[in-house]
């Protein structure tokens, strides 16, 4: 006789896996922390443009797009990519 996982338990694991994958692909937004990361690297946030779902790497949970002034004073779009706990912020310019 083979042992199988109960149906509801399989459904819970499947839902958790789908949810984790969706979060990783789509990402979250945290404008306040992202703006602090910009300022720490010499940028000045001008306007938060929202979440940029597909601009960051797989390990980046937070993905915020800004209109910002770079350290040279030029206004450009920049994306702040951050991990959930350990990874710092990465700035990307499209």
C-alpha atoms as a PDB file:
ATOM      1  CA  UNK A   1       0.000   0.000   0.000  1.00  0.00           C
ATOM      2  CA  UNK A   2       1.446   3.357  -1.000  1.00  0.00           C
ATOM      3  CA  UNK A   3       1.194   6.359   1.277  1.00  0.00           C
ATOM      4  CA  UNK A   4      -0.106   9.549  -0.232  1.00  0.00           C
ATOM      5  CA  UNK A   5      -0.369  13.042   1.130  1.00  0.00           C
ATOM      6  CA  UNK A   6      -3.899  14.101   1.960  1.00  0.00           C
ATOM      7  CA  UNK A   7      -5.541  16.224  -0.724  1.00  0.00           C
ATOM      8  CA  UNK A   8      -5.891  19.425   1.357  1.00  0.00           C
ATOM      9  CA  UNK A   9      -2.206  19.319   2.335  1.00  0.00           C
ATOM     10  CA  UNK A  10      -1.164  19.064  -1.300  1.00  0.00           C
ATOM     11  CA  UNK A  11      -3.424  22.015  -2.142  1.00  0.00           C
ATOM     12  CA  UNK A  12      -1.849  24.130   0.615  1.00  0.00           C
ATOM     13  CA  UNK A  13       1.685  23.363  -0.615  1.00  0.00           C
ATOM     14  CA  UNK A  14       0.691  24.089  -4.217  1.00  0.00           C
ATOM     15  CA  UNK A  15      -0.927  27.414  -3.262  1.00  0.00           C
ATOM     16  CA  UNK A  16       2.136  28.424  -1.230  1.00  0.00           C
ATOM     17  CA  UNK A  17       4.463  27.582  -4.121  1.00  0.00           C
ATOM     18  CA  UNK A  18       2.341  29.536  -6.610  1.00  0.00           C
ATOM     19  CA  UNK A  19       2.130  32.513  -4.241  1.00  0.00           C
ATOM     20  CA  UNK A  20       5.892  32.563  -3.615  1.00  0.00           C
ATOM     21  CA  UNK A  21       6.586  32.366  -7.339  1.00  0.00           C
ATOM     22  CA  UNK A  22       4.146  35.183  -8.099  1.00  0.00           C
ATOM     23  CA  UNK A  23       5.705  37.412  -5.406  1.00  0.00           C
ATOM     24  CA  UNK A  24       9.165  36.741  -6.777  1.00  0.00           C
ATOM     25  CA  UNK A  25       8.142  37.524 -10.355  1.00  0.00           C
ATOM     26  CA  UNK A  26       5.891  40.527  -9.713  1.00  0.00           C
ATOM     27  CA  UNK A  27       7.629  41.999  -6.667  1.00  0.00           C
ATOM     28  CA  UNK A  28       6.494  44.462  -4.038  1.00  0.00           C
ATOM     29  CA  UNK A  29       6.876  48.204  -3.533  1.00  0.00           C
ATOM     30  CA  UNK A  30       8.410  50.058  -0.567  1.00  0.00           C
ATOM     31  CA  UNK A  31       8.893  53.642  -1.725  1.00  0.00           C
ATOM     32  CA  UNK A  32      10.137  55.031   1.599  1.00  0.00           C
ATOM     33  CA  UNK A  33      12.976  52.521   2.012  1.00  0.00           C
ATOM     34  CA  UNK A  34      13.852  52.759  -1.686  1.00  0.00           C
ATOM     35  CA  UNK A  35      14.101  56.554  -1.452  1.00  0.00           C
ATOM     36  CA  UNK A  36      16.488  56.176   1.509  1.00  0.00           C
ATOM     37  CA  UNK A  37      18.615  53.788  -0.576  1.00  0.00           C
ATOM     38  CA  UNK A  38      18.740  56.376  -3.373  1.00  0.00           C
ATOM     39  CA  UNK A  39      19.814  59.117  -0.971  1.00  0.00           C
ATOM     40  CA  UNK A  40      22.479  56.887   0.605  1.00  0.00           C
ATOM     41  CA  UNK A  41      24.070  56.538  -2.834  1.00  0.00           C
ATOM     42  CA  UNK A  42      24.027  60.251  -3.647  1.00  0.00           C
ATOM     43  CA  UNK A  43      20.737  60.396  -5.580  1.00  0.00           C
ATOM     44  CA  UNK A  44      17.756  62.638  -4.861  1.00  0.00           C
ATOM     45  CA  UNK A  45      14.302  61.132  -5.297  1.00  0.00           C
ATOM     46  CA  UNK A  46      11.983  63.453  -7.239  1.00  0.00           C
ATOM     47  CA  UNK A  47       8.910  61.290  -7.854  1.00  0.00           C
ATOM     48  CA  UNK A  48       7.962  57.678  -7.102  1.00  0.00           C
ATOM     49  CA  UNK A  49       6.635  56.197 -10.357  1.00  0.00           C
ATOM     50  CA  UNK A  50       5.365  52.912  -8.891  1.00  0.00           C
ATOM     51  CA  UNK A  51       6.466  49.311  -9.026  1.00  0.00           C
ATOM     52  CA  UNK A  52       8.553  47.966 -11.917  1.00  0.00           C
ATOM     53  CA  UNK A  53       7.759  44.245 -11.991  1.00  0.00           C
ATOM     54  CA  UNK A  54      10.250  42.853 -14.498  1.00  0.00           C
ATOM     55  CA  UNK A  55      13.331  45.072 -14.121  1.00  0.00           C
ATOM     56  CA  UNK A  56      15.127  43.294 -11.268  1.00  0.00           C
ATOM     57  CA  UNK A  57      16.707  39.931 -10.584  1.00  0.00           C
ATOM     58  CA  UNK A  58      15.023  36.839  -9.185  1.00  0.00           C
ATOM     59  CA  UNK A  59      16.262  37.492  -5.640  1.00  0.00           C
ATOM     60  CA  UNK A  60      14.821  41.010  -5.530  1.00  0.00           C
ATOM     61  CA  UNK A  61      11.472  41.241  -3.783  1.00  0.00           C
ATOM     62  CA  UNK A  62      11.051  45.045  -3.800  1.00  0.00           C
ATOM     63  CA  UNK A  63      11.157  46.877  -7.161  1.00  0.00           C
ATOM     64  CA  UNK A  64      10.492  50.612  -7.154  1.00  0.00           C
ATOM     65  CA  UNK A  65      10.772  53.017 -10.092  1.00  0.00           C
ATOM     66  CA  UNK A  66      11.664  56.670  -9.478  1.00  0.00           C
ATOM     67  CA  UNK A  67      12.316  59.836 -11.348  1.00  0.00           C
ATOM     68  CA  UNK A  68      15.449  61.019  -9.536  1.00  0.00           C
ATOM     69  CA  UNK A  69      18.471  63.283  -9.809  1.00  0.00           C
ATOM     70  CA  UNK A  70      21.729  61.388 -10.057  1.00  0.00           C
ATOM     71  CA  UNK A  71      24.878  62.608  -8.251  1.00  0.00           C
ATOM     72  CA  UNK A  72      25.741  64.747 -11.316  1.00  0.00           C
ATOM     73  CA  UNK A  73      22.376  66.544 -11.047  1.00  0.00           C
ATOM     74  CA  UNK A  74      20.795  64.973 -14.155  1.00  0.00           C
ATOM     75  CA  UNK A  75      17.158  63.865 -13.847  1.00  0.00           C
ATOM     76  CA  UNK A  76      16.765  60.221 -14.916  1.00  0.00           C
ATOM     77  CA  UNK A  77      14.536  57.217 -14.283  1.00  0.00           C
ATOM     78  CA  UNK A  78      16.044  54.709 -11.884  1.00  0.00           C
ATOM     79  CA  UNK A  79      14.813  51.420 -10.466  1.00  0.00           C
ATOM     80  CA  UNK A  80      15.697  50.401  -6.920  1.00  0.00           C
ATOM     81  CA  UNK A  81      15.869  46.616  -6.508  1.00  0.00           C
ATOM     82  CA  UNK A  82      16.034  45.128  -2.993  1.00  0.00           C
ATOM     83  CA  UNK A  83      15.916  41.713  -1.427  1.00  0.00           C
ATOM     84  CA  UNK A  84      13.646  40.856   1.472  1.00  0.00           C
ATOM     85  CA  UNK A  85      16.123  40.556   4.352  1.00  0.00           C
ATOM     86  CA  UNK A  86      19.837  40.292   3.691  1.00  0.00           C
ATOM     87  CA  UNK A  87      20.531  41.818   0.283  1.00  0.00           C
ATOM     88  CA  UNK A  88      21.075  45.554   0.017  1.00  0.00           C
ATOM     89  CA  UNK A  89      19.709  47.802  -2.716  1.00  0.00           C
ATOM     90  CA  UNK A  90      20.830  47.862  -6.338  1.00  0.00           C
ATOM     91  CA  UNK A  91      20.129  50.872  -8.567  1.00  0.00           C
ATOM     92  CA  UNK A  92      19.339  50.228 -12.215  1.00  0.00           C
ATOM     93  CA  UNK A  93      18.901  52.798 -14.918  1.00  0.00           C
ATOM     94  CA  UNK A  94      16.869  51.627 -17.921  1.00  0.00           C
END
